[in-house]
Structure formats: structure tokens, C-alpha cells
Amino acid sequence: MSAFVQSAAAPAVRIRPYSSADAAATREVFSRAVRITAGSRYTPEQRTAWAAGGGSVHRWNADRTAHHTLVAVAADSGADDESQKGLMAVADPGVASPTPVEHVVGYVDFRDSGYVDHLFVDPDHGRQGIATRLLAAAIASARDHGAAELTSHVSLVAIPVFERQGFTVVHYEQVMLRGQHFDRALMRLDLKG
């Protein structure tokens, strides 16, 4: 499954299936999102405990490939400043222009059981609708796989994203992870209706 989406404020983002080549990049997205984005609702100690769950790249890859994982990638032309963009624009027409390089800006995964385990977006690409697009793609994919419902234990930061896609809070809870208490919500989406 692949979808192209672009908004006026955000670069073009393509959603595609995860591959093993995405392991390090998705692990970095997870780490940065937990350490930076989650700072709006969780303490530094909580974020350190949470980020420690990434494990080795080998284990990370095994976890992502064991589930239905989708990644959001954005094109990066390699031209970071205006002077480089200008040089590229006047390149010799007979010479091939630089090929854009894609980089992972977010990912989502869900299990066959319908449990959404991860939804993370790199903080440099936050507030551009990428999490919403990833979750929408996961919902569509789960329907295609015959899931009757989706559930997830959702961080306080991500609750609004899930609500915008129709998830409702079943209950709020507090859990212990590596010596830290975390508030979160169990959320559910009925896919039968």
C-alpha cells in the first residue's frame, strides 16, 4: 500500500510498507519522538525510561517485521540552502538532475490482533499531519486484513491524533515502566461500522 500526500506547509510524504533497511531510521524516529515530542506531557526521567525500550537494531527490525509496519518518507533533494537550490536550477539540461533521497519521518505498526503498537513522527516533522496520515493508512490496512477493531495504549501526547481518526477512550490508566509511572489511555476503534 502506498499513498502520496502533500499539504501547503509540509513536504510531499509517501506512505509505504516497512523494509529492513528502515530499521535504524525508524528506531531513531522513536527515540527522538520520545525524548523531544513527549516532553510536553512526560518528565525527563519518564522519557529516558521509555526511550530505553528501543533495544538493538536487530531486535528492533525483528519487532517491526513481525507486525504490519508502514513508514512515512519525505523526499530530500539534498539541497539544504537556497544557494544550492539555485545551482541545481541552472544545471546543464543534458545532465541528469540529482535524484531525491527519501528519509523516514514517521512510522506506525499494528499486529494481526488489531493492536496498534507504535505511532511515532520525528519532531522535526511534527504538526504536519503525518501522524494522522499514518494512522489513517494503518486503519485502511487493518480493514484490508479483516480486523474488526483496533485498540492501542496511547500516550497523553497522541490521544488527539487517535480521536481525530474516530478512536474513543475506553479508560485511562497508569502503568510502571523501568521504575517510572506513566499515564496513558486504552483507546478503541470499531472497524465493523
Foldseek 3Di string as FASTA:
>chain_A
DKDWDDDPVAAIKMKDWDDLVCLVQQLVQQLQCLCPVCVVPDDNVVSVLRNVPSDDSVVSSVVSVQWGKMFIKGWAQVDDDPVSVVVQVPDDPVDDGGDTDIGTFWMWTDHLQQETEDTGGRPVRPPRCPSLVRVVVVLVVNVVSPHQKHKYWAAPSCVVSVVVVPKDFPAWDWDDGPRDIGITTIIMDGSPD
